[in-house]
Amino acid sequence: MTKIKNESIKIVPLGGVGEIGKNMYVVEVDEEIFVIDAGLKFPENEMLGIDIVIPDTTWLEEQRERIKGIFLTHGHEDAIGALPYVLQKINAPVYGTKLTIALAKEKLKENSVKPVRFQTIKSGSRLKFDRAVVTFFHTTHSIPDSVGICIQTSEGKIVHTGDFKFDQAATGLYRAEIGKMASIGESGVLCLLSDSTEAEHPGYTTSEAVTERELSSIFHSATGRIIVACFASNFIRIQQALDAAFENGRKVAIVGKSIERSFEIALKLNYLSLAGTDLIIPITDIGKYDDSEIVIISTGTMGEPLEALQKMARQNHRQVNIKKGDTVLITATPSVGLETFMFKTIDLLYRAGAVVNTPYRKIHVSGHGSQEDLKLMLNLMKPKFFIPIQGEYRMLFSHAKLAEETGLARDHIFIPANGEVIEYKDGRMRQGGRVPAGNVLIDGIGVGDVGNIVLRDRKLLSQDGIFTVVVTLDKKHKRIASGPEIISRGFVYVRESEKLIEESTKIVRKIVEQAVAEGSFDWAGIKQDIRDKLNQYLFDRTKRRPMILPIIMEI
């Protein structure tokens, strides 16, 4: 508790509720703002051409003077991926553990963002601010140095669990501080914000020890090369692959820029260990060894492994391709919307002659707690109020039901939407008010310049194609100098639709000649007339509505 009496406490999710990824949560204690995580998510199917999605920080930018820091729970993309974009608009210090800070710095370097104030914290760190005190506790996740965050107020603690599970076999870097969690609970937790990713799955999340044994068994029995596909920052899986390779006398090659960078960082900071000094070899040297002596650990763009596997299966990867006799281990759960992509990838791998092992064979387990893990966290923390976070709505709902089972009253549980404010004041917690929140779409170097209208146009182009009409006018002599020329892309094959193109040309010529004869040079009006008439004609003939793009030029 703090000695200062806090008048108002607000909790505002700006991302991470009703969705997987894009985590960003704001805790406002009186006039001080504490931001927890700044993550990204991968685009959904309808976000055509979009690379990544980050939270809308418009409201935070307006409050930038009150922000005391951005506190990172761990080093995965869903927690740190938006930092390069957020820090260009908000100059706030960033707090995180040693590995998390190292990965965050690398992300800023990749995006050419000027260095900011980074402060490395440990589990025992205690950060005192004017209106609150921030402390930390270690959790078990698929990446080391994961922490939960505790914001101490006069009304009790606001606890954010970060990504977590309970694994009784976890050792060293991955061991959770269960005793510290219990101590926090005993001292009084006002509100718990807890990870809901696996809230629909009964029981406990399978121990990493099971995965370790399964990987070792596969490595022992495989006769050809072994290709391990994983996320670039899934360090526990990378460590297990390294250990299994050493046990079975194999050399390891790392493929993919993102995994190469994260591997170097983790190795330098002793978060990964090598059992042999000659275990790692360059990918260019794999031809010097027998296939039975090689392991390739691979990932792709943005640290996501499936795209790289597809390239390997199609024989167009820059460094290594699948061949008959390879054993492929997909040690990653596909992001939302990528399940179909994963199954197509598996088909391609089989066609290329590989033996494929998927997560269903226990070569991968979730880094998130299942129902019994979540109930244990609730019982340890004993919160007065509860907010499920980090999950789609059905996951948040399932987590809320679990909280009821542990004894929390229904009116003490809140499932907010992004931007919805949950406020504690005068002994009551209630929903009230909203702040701007939503998606900022990143396409190439463009940040937020692609919105709903552009996406709508892309969707239309992907469904019915484009129908371009080019007309050149001689304004002086009031006549058509050239055209109309029609170009079709993704709509009809011109050579097999000559009658359709011919009739469309006549329609356009008639519209333009009539407008020019009347002395009308209202280009906007002529273009709209062309769109309307062509749209009706093409729909009558084809039952399709391509994007019609009239282009009028003058000489």
Protein backbone atom coordinates (compact mmCIF):
# COMPACT_ATOMS: atom_id res chain seq x y z
CA MET A 1 0.00 0.00 0.00
CA THR A 2 1.05 3.64 -0.44
CA LYS A 3 0.78 6.24 2.29
CA ILE A 4 -0.85 8.70 -0.13
CA LYS A 5 -4.63 8.39 -0.44
CA ASN A 6 -5.52 7.75 -4.09
CA GLU A 7 -8.73 9.45 -5.20
CA SER A 8 -9.29 7.75 -8.58
CA ILE A 9 -8.06 4.56 -10.22
CA LYS A 10 -8.87 3.78 -13.85
CA ILE A 11 -8.06 0.74 -16.00
CA VAL A 12 -8.28 1.14 -19.78
CA PRO A 13 -7.43 -1.60 -22.32
CA LEU A 14 -6.26 -0.07 -25.62
CA GLY A 15 -5.71 -3.51 -27.16
CA GLY A 16 -5.75 -7.17 -26.19
CA VAL A 17 -9.42 -7.65 -25.25
CA GLY A 18 -11.68 -9.28 -27.82
CA GLU A 19 -8.57 -10.25 -29.82
CA ILE A 20 -5.31 -12.19 -29.67
CA GLY A 21 -2.24 -9.95 -29.52
CA LYS A 22 -1.90 -6.16 -29.71
CA ASN A 23 -1.69 -6.00 -25.92
CA MET A 24 -1.73 -2.56 -24.34
CA TYR A 25 -3.29 -1.76 -20.98
CA VAL A 26 -3.38 1.56 -19.14
CA VAL A 27 -3.61 1.95 -15.37
CA GLU A 28 -4.32 5.53 -14.32
CA VAL A 29 -3.73 6.34 -10.66
CA ASP A 30 -4.92 9.89 -10.00
CA GLU A 31 -2.94 12.00 -12.50
CA GLU A 32 -0.24 9.35 -13.23
CA ILE A 33 -0.51 6.94 -16.16
CA PHE A 34 1.22 3.55 -16.30
CA VAL A 35 1.21 1.71 -19.66
CA ILE A 36 1.61 -2.07 -19.63
CA ASP A 37 2.93 -3.61 -22.88
CA ALA A 38 2.87 -2.24 -26.43
CA GLY A 39 2.23 -5.23 -28.69
CA LEU A 40 1.20 -6.02 -32.23
CA LYS A 41 -1.01 -8.64 -33.80
CA PHE A 42 -0.87 -10.27 -37.20
CA PRO A 43 -3.54 -9.17 -39.71
CA GLU A 44 -6.84 -10.98 -40.10
CA ASN A 45 -7.91 -12.43 -43.45
CA GLU A 46 -9.90 -9.38 -44.51
CA MET A 47 -6.92 -7.04 -43.91
CA LEU A 48 -5.58 -7.49 -47.42
CA GLY A 49 -1.93 -6.54 -47.83
CA ILE A 50 -1.51 -5.37 -44.23
CA ASP A 51 1.73 -6.42 -42.52
CA ILE A 52 0.89 -5.89 -38.84
CA VAL A 53 -1.72 -4.22 -36.62
CA ILE A 54 -0.92 -2.05 -33.58
CA PRO A 55 -3.09 -0.22 -31.03
CA ASP A 56 -4.44 3.27 -31.64
CA THR A 57 -2.56 5.52 -29.19
CA THR A 58 -4.37 8.79 -30.01
CA TRP A 59 -5.65 9.16 -26.45
CA LEU A 60 -2.25 8.32 -24.94
CA GLU A 61 -0.58 10.92 -27.14
CA GLU A 62 -2.93 13.55 -25.71
CA GLN A 63 -1.96 12.43 -22.19
CA ARG A 64 1.78 12.03 -22.90
CA GLU A 65 2.85 14.42 -20.13
CA ARG A 66 1.18 12.19 -17.52
CA ILE A 67 2.76 8.90 -18.68
CA LYS A 68 5.27 7.61 -16.13
CA GLY A 69 6.49 4.70 -18.20
CA ILE A 70 5.79 1.74 -20.46
CA PHE A 71 6.19 -1.49 -18.50
CA LEU A 72 6.90 -4.65 -20.51
CA THR A 73 5.86 -8.09 -19.26
CA HIS A 74 7.99 -10.14 -21.70
CA GLY A 75 9.76 -10.08 -25.05
CA HIS A 76 7.22 -11.56 -27.47
CA GLU A 77 5.82 -9.54 -30.36
CA ASP A 78 2.38 -9.32 -28.72
CA ALA A 79 4.01 -7.36 -25.88
CA ILE A 80 6.79 -5.32 -27.54
CA GLY A 81 6.00 -5.33 -31.29
CA ALA A 82 4.36 -1.88 -31.37
CA LEU A 83 7.13 -0.13 -29.41
CA PRO A 84 8.97 1.30 -32.46
CA TYR A 85 5.76 3.04 -33.57
CA VAL A 86 4.53 4.09 -30.12
CA LEU A 87 7.87 5.59 -29.07
CA GLN A 88 7.95 7.83 -32.14
CA LYS A 89 4.93 9.64 -30.70
CA ILE A 90 5.30 9.15 -26.96
CA ASN A 91 8.58 9.95 -25.23
CA ALA A 92 8.29 7.78 -22.13
CA PRO A 93 10.79 5.58 -20.28
CA VAL A 94 10.53 1.83 -20.94
CA TYR A 95 10.90 -0.68 -18.09
CA GLY A 96 11.55 -4.38 -18.54
CA THR A 97 13.77 -7.30 -17.58
CA LYS A 98 17.22 -7.72 -19.13
CA LEU A 99 16.20 -10.00 -22.02
CA THR A 100 13.00 -8.07 -22.75
CA ILE A 101 14.89 -4.76 -22.92
CA ALA A 102 17.55 -6.29 -25.20
CA LEU A 103 14.87 -7.55 -27.61
CA ALA A 104 13.05 -4.21 -27.47
CA LYS A 105 16.26 -2.31 -28.29
CA GLU A 106 16.82 -4.59 -31.28
CA LYS A 107 13.31 -3.81 -32.55
CA LEU A 108 13.97 -0.09 -32.33
CA LYS A 109 17.26 -0.57 -34.17
CA GLU A 110 15.52 -2.53 -36.95
CA ASN A 111 13.03 0.31 -37.40
CA SER A 112 15.65 3.09 -37.14
CA VAL A 113 14.01 4.61 -34.08
CA LYS A 114 16.18 6.84 -31.90
CA PRO A 115 17.17 5.29 -28.56
CA VAL A 116 14.86 6.04 -25.64
CA ARG A 117 15.22 5.75 -21.88
CA PHE A 118 15.36 2.06 -21.06
CA GLN A 119 15.50 0.90 -17.46
CA THR A 120 16.25 -2.72 -16.65
CA ILE A 121 14.28 -4.14 -13.72
CA LYS A 122 14.42 -7.40 -11.78
CA SER A 123 11.81 -9.34 -9.87
CA GLY A 124 12.93 -7.58 -6.70
CA SER A 125 12.84 -4.06 -8.20
CA ARG A 126 10.62 -1.48 -6.51
CA LEU A 127 9.83 1.69 -8.48
CA LYS A 128 8.38 4.53 -6.44
CA PHE A 129 6.30 7.20 -8.16
CA ASP A 130 4.35 10.11 -6.66
CA ARG A 131 0.99 8.31 -6.60
CA ALA A 132 1.91 4.60 -6.76
CA VAL A 133 4.65 2.00 -6.36
CA VAL A 134 5.39 -0.60 -9.07
CA THR A 135 6.83 -4.05 -8.26
CA PHE A 136 7.28 -7.29 -10.23
CA PHE A 137 7.15 -11.09 -9.93
CA HIS A 138 8.52 -13.84 -12.18
CA THR A 139 6.12 -16.02 -14.19
CA THR A 140 6.52 -19.15 -16.29
CA HIS A 141 6.15 -18.60 -20.05
CA SER A 142 7.83 -19.78 -23.25
CA ILE A 143 10.39 -16.99 -23.01
CA PRO A 144 12.65 -16.30 -19.99
CA ASP A 145 12.46 -13.11 -17.96
CA SER A 146 8.65 -12.94 -18.12
CA VAL A 147 7.11 -10.97 -15.27
CA GLY A 148 3.79 -9.97 -13.80
CA ILE A 149 3.39 -6.32 -12.80
CA CYS A 150 1.96 -5.04 -9.54
CA ILE A 151 0.89 -1.41 -9.13
CA GLN A 152 0.42 -0.61 -5.45
CA THR A 153 -2.18 2.01 -4.52
CA SER A 154 -3.76 3.06 -1.23
CA GLU A 155 -6.85 1.05 -2.20
CA GLY A 156 -4.96 -2.17 -2.92
CA LYS A 157 -2.81 -3.61 -5.68
CA ILE A 158 -3.58 -3.66 -9.41
CA VAL A 159 -1.96 -6.88 -10.68
CA HIS A 160 -1.30 -7.67 -14.36
CA THR A 161 -0.20 -11.30 -14.70
CA GLY A 162 1.44 -11.00 -18.12
CA ASP A 163 1.50 -14.25 -20.12
CA PHE A 164 1.78 -17.16 -17.71
CA LYS A 165 1.20 -20.81 -16.89
CA PHE A 166 2.14 -23.00 -13.94
CA ASP A 167 4.63 -25.76 -14.78
CA GLN A 168 5.75 -27.80 -11.79
CA ALA A 169 8.75 -29.09 -13.75
CA ALA A 170 9.96 -25.60 -14.71
CA THR A 171 13.50 -24.87 -13.63
CA GLY A 172 15.97 -22.00 -13.59
CA LEU A 173 15.01 -19.18 -15.92
CA TYR A 174 11.43 -20.40 -16.31
CA ARG A 175 10.46 -20.95 -12.66
CA ALA A 176 7.49 -18.91 -11.38
CA GLU A 177 7.59 -17.12 -8.02
CA ILE A 178 4.48 -18.76 -6.61
CA GLY A 179 5.35 -17.78 -3.05
CA LYS A 180 5.63 -14.13 -4.04
CA MET A 181 2.27 -14.32 -5.83
CA ALA A 182 0.66 -15.71 -2.69
CA SER A 183 2.24 -12.93 -0.64
CA ILE A 184 0.85 -10.30 -3.00
CA GLY A 185 -2.59 -11.89 -2.65
CA GLU A 186 -2.38 -11.87 1.14
CA SER A 187 -1.46 -8.17 1.19
CA GLY A 188 -4.61 -7.22 -0.71
CA VAL A 189 -5.30 -7.18 -4.47
CA LEU A 190 -7.87 -4.63 -5.58
CA CYS A 191 -8.08 -5.82 -9.20
CA LEU A 192 -6.50 -8.68 -11.14
CA LEU A 193 -5.93 -8.48 -14.90
CA SER A 194 -5.20 -12.03 -16.05
CA ASP A 195 -4.19 -13.82 -19.28
CA SER A 196 -7.21 -15.57 -20.90
CA THR A 197 -5.62 -17.16 -24.00
CA GLU A 198 -6.28 -20.78 -22.94
CA ALA A 199 -9.34 -20.12 -20.73
CA GLU A 200 -11.49 -22.51 -22.78
CA HIS A 201 -9.17 -25.50 -22.23
CA PRO A 202 -9.84 -27.66 -19.14
CA GLY A 203 -7.14 -28.97 -16.81
CA TYR A 204 -3.56 -27.76 -16.60
CA THR A 205 -1.38 -26.80 -19.56
CA THR A 206 0.93 -29.71 -20.39
CA SER A 207 4.39 -29.45 -18.88
CA GLU A 208 7.36 -28.52 -21.06
CA ALA A 209 9.03 -31.69 -19.72
CA VAL A 210 6.60 -33.70 -21.89
CA THR A 211 7.58 -31.72 -24.96
CA GLU A 212 11.26 -32.16 -24.16
CA ARG A 213 10.87 -35.97 -24.04
CA GLU A 214 8.84 -36.01 -27.26
CA LEU A 215 11.40 -33.91 -29.14
CA SER A 216 14.23 -36.11 -27.92
CA SER A 217 12.38 -39.23 -29.12
CA ILE A 218 11.79 -37.76 -32.59
CA PHE A 219 15.41 -36.62 -32.90
CA HIS A 220 16.57 -40.12 -31.95
CA SER A 221 14.41 -41.90 -34.54
CA ALA A 222 14.68 -39.48 -37.50
CA THR A 223 17.01 -40.69 -40.26
CA GLY A 224 17.25 -37.52 -42.39
CA ARG A 225 17.51 -33.83 -41.70
CA ILE A 226 15.32 -32.35 -38.97
CA ILE A 227 13.72 -28.95 -39.55
CA VAL A 228 12.27 -27.30 -36.44
CA ALA A 229 9.85 -24.47 -37.24
CA CYS A 230 9.15 -22.14 -34.33
CA PHE A 231 8.53 -18.52 -33.42
CA ALA A 232 11.74 -16.52 -33.24
CA SER A 233 11.39 -15.71 -29.54
CA ASN A 234 10.14 -19.11 -28.31
CA PHE A 235 13.39 -19.66 -26.43
CA ILE A 236 12.26 -22.69 -24.46
CA ARG A 237 11.56 -24.56 -27.70
CA ILE A 238 14.86 -23.43 -29.22
CA GLN A 239 16.73 -24.61 -26.09
CA GLN A 240 14.99 -28.00 -26.22
CA ALA A 241 15.94 -28.40 -29.90
CA LEU A 242 19.57 -27.48 -29.14
CA ASP A 243 19.74 -30.02 -26.30
CA ALA A 244 18.12 -32.78 -28.36
CA ALA A 245 20.51 -32.12 -31.24
CA PHE A 246 23.55 -32.40 -28.95
CA GLU A 247 22.25 -35.63 -27.38
CA ASN A 248 21.87 -37.19 -30.82
CA GLY A 249 25.16 -36.00 -32.32
CA ARG A 250 23.65 -33.46 -34.72
CA LYS A 251 24.79 -29.99 -35.79
CA VAL A 252 22.38 -27.03 -35.73
CA ALA A 253 21.94 -24.32 -38.36
CA ILE A 254 19.77 -21.25 -37.69
CA VAL A 255 17.71 -19.89 -40.62
CA GLY A 256 15.76 -16.63 -40.69
CA LYS A 257 16.89 -13.08 -39.87
CA SER A 258 14.52 -12.60 -36.94
CA ILE A 259 15.52 -15.86 -35.22
CA GLU A 260 19.20 -15.23 -35.93
CA ARG A 261 19.00 -11.86 -34.16
CA SER A 262 17.02 -13.11 -31.16
CA PHE A 263 19.28 -16.19 -30.92
CA GLU A 264 22.40 -14.02 -30.77
CA ILE A 265 20.89 -11.77 -28.11
CA ALA A 266 19.75 -14.68 -25.91
CA LEU A 267 23.09 -16.46 -26.28
CA LYS A 268 25.06 -13.33 -25.41
CA LEU A 269 22.96 -12.74 -22.27
CA ASN A 270 23.10 -16.42 -21.22
CA TYR A 271 19.40 -17.08 -21.73
CA LEU A 272 20.31 -19.89 -24.13
CA SER A 273 23.10 -22.39 -23.51
CA LEU A 274 25.10 -24.59 -25.89
CA ALA A 275 26.16 -28.05 -24.70
CA GLY A 276 28.99 -28.07 -27.26
CA THR A 277 31.12 -25.25 -28.66
CA ASP A 278 30.85 -26.64 -32.20
CA LEU A 279 27.11 -27.33 -32.05
CA ILE A 280 26.13 -24.35 -34.25
CA ILE A 281 27.18 -24.26 -37.90
CA PRO A 282 26.44 -21.78 -40.74
CA ILE A 283 23.58 -22.80 -43.01
CA THR A 284 26.07 -22.77 -45.90
CA ASP A 285 27.94 -25.69 -44.26
CA ILE A 286 25.06 -28.18 -44.04
CA GLY A 287 26.22 -29.82 -47.29
CA LYS A 288 29.43 -30.87 -45.54
CA TYR A 289 27.54 -33.23 -43.22
CA ASP A 290 25.36 -36.27 -43.68
CA ASP A 291 21.60 -35.54 -43.54
CA SER A 292 21.37 -37.60 -40.33
CA GLU A 293 23.71 -35.09 -38.65
CA ILE A 294 21.75 -31.91 -39.39
CA VAL A 295 19.09 -29.91 -37.52
CA ILE A 296 17.73 -26.66 -38.98
CA ILE A 297 15.86 -24.25 -36.68
CA SER A 298 13.81 -21.94 -38.86
CA THR A 299 11.40 -19.04 -38.79
CA GLY A 300 10.20 -16.45 -41.29
CA THR A 301 9.20 -12.80 -41.58
CA MET A 302 8.17 -11.20 -38.28
CA GLY A 303 9.37 -14.35 -36.54
CA GLU A 304 6.39 -16.38 -37.82
CA PRO A 305 7.44 -19.82 -39.16
CA LEU A 306 4.75 -21.02 -41.59
CA GLU A 307 5.55 -18.70 -44.50
CA ALA A 308 9.19 -19.84 -44.53
CA LEU A 309 8.09 -23.50 -44.47
CA GLN A 310 5.87 -22.93 -47.50
CA LYS A 311 8.80 -21.45 -49.41
CA MET A 312 10.94 -24.47 -48.49
CA ALA A 313 8.21 -26.87 -49.60
CA ARG A 314 7.77 -25.01 -52.91
CA GLN A 315 11.56 -25.17 -53.48
CA ASN A 316 12.00 -21.40 -53.60
CA HIS A 317 13.54 -20.61 -50.22
CA ARG A 318 16.76 -18.63 -50.51
CA GLN A 319 18.82 -20.87 -48.21
CA VAL A 320 17.27 -24.33 -47.74
CA ASN A 321 14.52 -26.40 -49.36
CA ILE A 322 12.60 -29.50 -48.31
CA LYS A 323 13.72 -32.82 -49.77
CA LYS A 324 12.56 -36.39 -49.41
CA GLY A 325 13.47 -37.87 -46.04
CA ASP A 326 13.33 -34.59 -44.09
CA THR A 327 11.47 -34.57 -40.77
CA VAL A 328 9.62 -31.29 -40.12
CA LEU A 329 8.52 -30.30 -36.62
CA ILE A 330 5.97 -27.48 -36.49
CA THR A 331 6.39 -26.30 -32.91
CA ALA A 332 4.02 -23.35 -33.07
CA THR A 333 0.30 -22.77 -32.76
CA PRO A 334 -0.89 -20.77 -35.78
CA SER A 335 -2.15 -17.24 -35.20
CA VAL A 336 -5.87 -16.57 -35.46
CA GLY A 337 -6.93 -16.87 -39.10
CA LEU A 338 -3.82 -18.83 -40.10
CA GLU A 339 -5.17 -22.33 -39.36
CA THR A 340 -6.04 -22.92 -43.04
CA PHE A 341 -2.62 -21.61 -44.04
CA MET A 342 -0.99 -24.12 -41.68
CA PHE A 343 -2.90 -27.08 -43.15
CA LYS A 344 -1.98 -26.02 -46.69
CA THR A 345 1.64 -25.78 -45.57
CA ILE A 346 1.48 -29.32 -44.16
CA ASP A 347 0.07 -30.58 -47.48
CA LEU A 348 2.92 -28.95 -49.37
CA LEU A 349 5.49 -30.45 -47.00
CA TYR A 350 4.11 -33.95 -47.52
CA ARG A 351 4.13 -33.42 -51.31
CA ALA A 352 7.79 -32.42 -51.06
CA GLY A 353 8.57 -35.76 -49.36
CA ALA A 354 8.83 -34.67 -45.72
CA VAL A 355 7.53 -36.41 -42.60
CA VAL A 356 5.55 -33.78 -40.69
CA ASN A 357 5.02 -33.56 -36.93
CA THR A 358 2.46 -31.00 -35.75
CA PRO A 359 1.70 -29.62 -32.25
CA TYR A 360 -0.87 -32.40 -31.81
CA ARG A 361 2.01 -34.81 -31.13
CA LYS A 362 3.05 -32.84 -28.03
CA ILE A 363 6.08 -31.36 -29.75
CA HIS A 364 4.61 -28.01 -28.78
CA VAL A 365 2.59 -26.91 -25.78
CA SER A 366 1.06 -23.54 -25.04
CA GLY A 367 2.88 -20.95 -22.99
CA HIS A 368 -0.45 -19.92 -21.49
CA GLY A 369 -2.33 -21.36 -18.55
CA SER A 370 -5.40 -23.56 -18.97
CA GLN A 371 -8.43 -23.48 -16.67
CA GLU A 372 -6.79 -25.00 -13.58
CA ASP A 373 -3.76 -22.71 -13.97
CA LEU A 374 -6.08 -19.70 -14.18
CA LYS A 375 -8.05 -20.76 -11.12
CA LEU A 376 -4.79 -21.22 -9.19
CA MET A 377 -3.77 -17.65 -10.07
CA LEU A 378 -7.17 -16.37 -8.94
CA ASN A 379 -6.85 -18.24 -5.65
CA LEU A 380 -3.32 -16.99 -5.08
CA MET A 381 -4.21 -13.36 -5.77
CA LYS A 382 -7.66 -13.30 -4.10
CA PRO A 383 -8.71 -10.15 -5.98
CA LYS A 384 -11.64 -7.98 -4.98
CA PHE A 385 -12.36 -7.23 -8.66
CA PHE A 386 -11.38 -9.12 -11.79
CA ILE A 387 -10.82 -8.21 -15.46
CA PRO A 388 -9.98 -11.03 -17.91
CA ILE A 389 -7.61 -9.82 -20.64
CA GLN A 390 -5.56 -11.16 -23.56
CA GLY A 391 -8.09 -13.17 -25.55
CA GLU A 392 -11.06 -13.15 -27.87
CA TYR A 393 -14.43 -12.50 -26.26
CA ARG A 394 -15.31 -16.18 -25.81
CA MET A 395 -12.01 -16.67 -23.94
CA LEU A 396 -12.65 -13.64 -21.73
CA PHE A 397 -16.16 -14.96 -21.02
CA SER A 398 -14.82 -18.42 -20.11
CA HIS A 399 -12.27 -16.83 -17.78
CA ALA A 400 -15.00 -14.75 -16.14
CA LYS A 401 -16.96 -17.96 -15.44
CA LEU A 402 -13.87 -19.49 -13.84
CA ALA A 403 -13.57 -16.44 -11.59
CA GLU A 404 -17.18 -16.97 -10.47
CA GLU A 405 -16.33 -20.60 -9.66
CA THR A 406 -13.57 -19.44 -7.33
CA GLY A 407 -16.04 -17.29 -5.40
CA LEU A 408 -15.95 -13.85 -7.06
CA ALA A 409 -19.32 -12.13 -7.32
CA ARG A 410 -20.54 -11.56 -10.86
CA ASP A 411 -20.83 -7.80 -10.34
CA HIS A 412 -17.13 -7.71 -9.40
CA ILE A 413 -16.10 -9.10 -12.81
CA PHE A 414 -15.77 -6.83 -15.84
CA ILE A 415 -15.27 -7.76 -19.51
CA PRO A 416 -14.40 -4.45 -21.18
CA ALA A 417 -14.03 -3.60 -24.86
CA ASN A 418 -10.94 -1.84 -26.16
CA GLY A 419 -11.15 1.80 -25.08
CA GLU A 420 -13.70 1.19 -22.33
CA VAL A 421 -12.82 2.77 -19.00
CA ILE A 422 -13.18 0.78 -15.76
CA GLU A 423 -13.04 3.19 -12.82
CA TYR A 424 -12.66 2.57 -9.08
CA LYS A 425 -13.83 5.44 -6.92
CA ASP A 426 -15.41 5.78 -3.50
CA GLY A 427 -15.20 2.03 -2.86
CA ARG A 428 -16.97 1.02 -6.08
CA MET A 429 -15.73 -0.19 -9.45
CA ARG A 430 -17.86 0.57 -12.47
CA GLN A 431 -17.75 0.84 -16.24
CA GLY A 432 -17.93 4.41 -17.44
CA GLY A 433 -16.79 6.36 -20.42
CA ARG A 434 -14.65 5.53 -23.42
CA VAL A 435 -11.44 6.72 -24.98
CA PRO A 436 -10.45 6.36 -28.66
CA ALA A 437 -9.20 2.83 -29.37
CA GLY A 438 -8.92 0.67 -32.44
CA ASN A 439 -6.50 -0.64 -35.04
CA VAL A 440 -3.64 1.18 -36.67
CA LEU A 441 -2.67 -0.74 -39.80
CA ILE A 442 0.97 -0.98 -40.87
CA ASP A 443 1.53 -1.54 -44.58
CA GLY A 444 5.20 -1.37 -45.60
CA ILE A 445 6.53 1.93 -44.23
CA GLY A 446 3.02 3.40 -44.05
CA VAL A 447 1.65 3.78 -40.52
CA GLY A 448 -2.09 4.30 -40.33
CA ASP A 449 -2.41 5.53 -43.92
CA VAL A 450 -4.48 2.47 -44.85
CA GLY A 451 -8.01 2.71 -43.46
CA ASN A 452 -11.40 1.12 -44.02
CA ILE A 453 -11.92 2.77 -47.42
CA VAL A 454 -8.60 1.47 -48.77
CA LEU A 455 -9.33 -2.00 -47.36
CA ARG A 456 -12.77 -1.92 -48.95
CA ASP A 457 -11.19 -1.09 -52.31
CA ARG A 458 -8.64 -3.89 -51.90
CA LYS A 459 -11.43 -6.33 -51.07
CA LEU A 460 -13.38 -5.23 -54.14
CA LEU A 461 -10.29 -5.60 -56.33
CA SER A 462 -9.64 -9.08 -54.93
CA GLN A 463 -13.22 -10.19 -55.61
CA ASP A 464 -14.19 -8.66 -58.97
CA GLY A 465 -11.05 -7.02 -60.34
CA ILE A 466 -10.63 -3.65 -62.04
CA PHE A 467 -12.02 -2.24 -65.31
CA THR A 468 -10.01 0.77 -66.50
CA VAL A 469 -11.26 3.11 -69.24
CA VAL A 470 -8.80 5.58 -70.82
CA VAL A 471 -10.01 8.42 -73.07
CA THR A 472 -7.89 11.24 -74.53
CA LEU A 473 -9.77 14.43 -75.51
CA ASP A 474 -8.92 17.23 -77.89
CA LYS A 475 -10.60 20.04 -75.95
CA LYS A 476 -9.85 22.67 -78.61
CA HIS A 477 -11.65 20.79 -81.40
CA LYS A 478 -14.20 19.19 -79.05
CA ARG A 479 -13.53 15.62 -80.07
CA ILE A 480 -12.05 12.34 -78.85
CA ALA A 481 -8.39 12.25 -79.84
CA SER A 482 -7.76 8.68 -78.73
CA GLY A 483 -9.68 5.77 -77.20
CA PRO A 484 -11.72 4.76 -75.43
CA GLU A 485 -9.20 2.10 -74.50
CA ILE A 486 -10.32 -0.53 -71.99
CA ILE A 487 -7.97 -2.47 -69.73
CA SER A 488 -9.32 -5.34 -67.63
CA ARG A 489 -7.42 -6.92 -64.73
CA GLY A 490 -8.95 -9.67 -62.63
CA PHE A 491 -12.40 -9.18 -64.21
CA VAL A 492 -12.60 -10.90 -67.61
CA TYR A 493 -10.07 -12.25 -70.07
CA VAL A 494 -10.16 -9.62 -72.83
CA ARG A 495 -9.47 -11.99 -75.76
CA GLU A 496 -12.44 -14.15 -74.83
CA SER A 497 -14.78 -11.23 -74.09
CA GLU A 498 -14.50 -9.17 -77.25
CA LYS A 499 -18.22 -8.46 -77.49
CA LEU A 500 -18.38 -7.24 -73.89
CA ILE A 501 -15.37 -4.95 -74.43
CA GLU A 502 -16.74 -3.66 -77.74
CA GLU A 503 -20.13 -2.78 -76.21
CA SER A 504 -18.45 -1.15 -73.22
CA THR A 505 -16.35 0.96 -75.59
CA LYS A 506 -19.51 2.14 -77.40
CA ILE A 507 -21.16 3.11 -74.10
CA VAL A 508 -18.14 5.18 -73.05
CA ARG A 509 -17.75 6.83 -76.46
CA LYS A 510 -21.42 7.82 -76.50
CA ILE A 511 -21.19 9.37 -73.02
CA VAL A 512 -18.03 11.34 -73.82
CA GLU A 513 -19.10 12.53 -77.29
CA GLN A 514 -22.44 13.73 -75.93
CA ALA A 515 -20.75 15.65 -73.10
CA VAL A 516 -18.17 17.24 -75.43
CA ALA A 517 -20.82 18.21 -78.00
CA GLU A 518 -22.75 20.02 -75.28
CA GLY A 519 -19.58 21.88 -74.33
CA SER A 520 -19.48 20.20 -70.93
CA PHE A 521 -15.99 19.60 -69.61
CA ASP A 522 -17.01 18.59 -66.12
CA TRP A 523 -14.57 15.71 -65.83
CA ALA A 524 -15.98 14.54 -62.48
CA GLY A 525 -19.51 14.40 -63.90
CA ILE A 526 -18.37 12.53 -67.04
CA LYS A 527 -16.42 10.00 -64.97
CA GLN A 528 -19.38 9.37 -62.69
CA ASP A 529 -21.66 8.88 -65.70
CA ILE A 530 -19.20 6.34 -67.16
CA ARG A 531 -19.09 4.47 -63.83
CA ASP A 532 -22.87 4.36 -63.49
CA LYS A 533 -23.62 3.21 -67.04
CA LEU A 534 -20.78 0.69 -67.21
CA ASN A 535 -21.55 -0.68 -63.78
CA GLN A 536 -25.15 -1.44 -64.79
CA TYR A 537 -24.16 -2.93 -68.14
CA LEU A 538 -21.37 -5.13 -66.77
CA PHE A 539 -23.55 -6.40 -63.91
CA ASP A 540 -26.37 -7.27 -66.34
CA ARG A 541 -23.95 -9.25 -68.50
CA THR A 542 -21.68 -10.86 -65.88
CA LYS A 543 -23.36 -10.48 -62.44
CA ARG A 544 -20.06 -9.00 -61.25
CA ARG A 545 -19.17 -5.50 -60.07
CA PRO A 546 -15.52 -4.69 -60.86
CA MET A 547 -13.94 -1.45 -59.71
CA ILE A 548 -14.44 0.92 -62.67
CA LEU A 549 -11.67 3.47 -63.08
CA PRO A 550 -12.26 6.13 -65.80
CA ILE A 551 -9.17 8.14 -66.82
CA ILE A 552 -9.68 11.26 -68.97
CA MET A 553 -6.67 13.04 -70.43
CA GLU A 554 -6.38 16.21 -72.50
CA ILE A 555 -4.17 17.23 -75.39
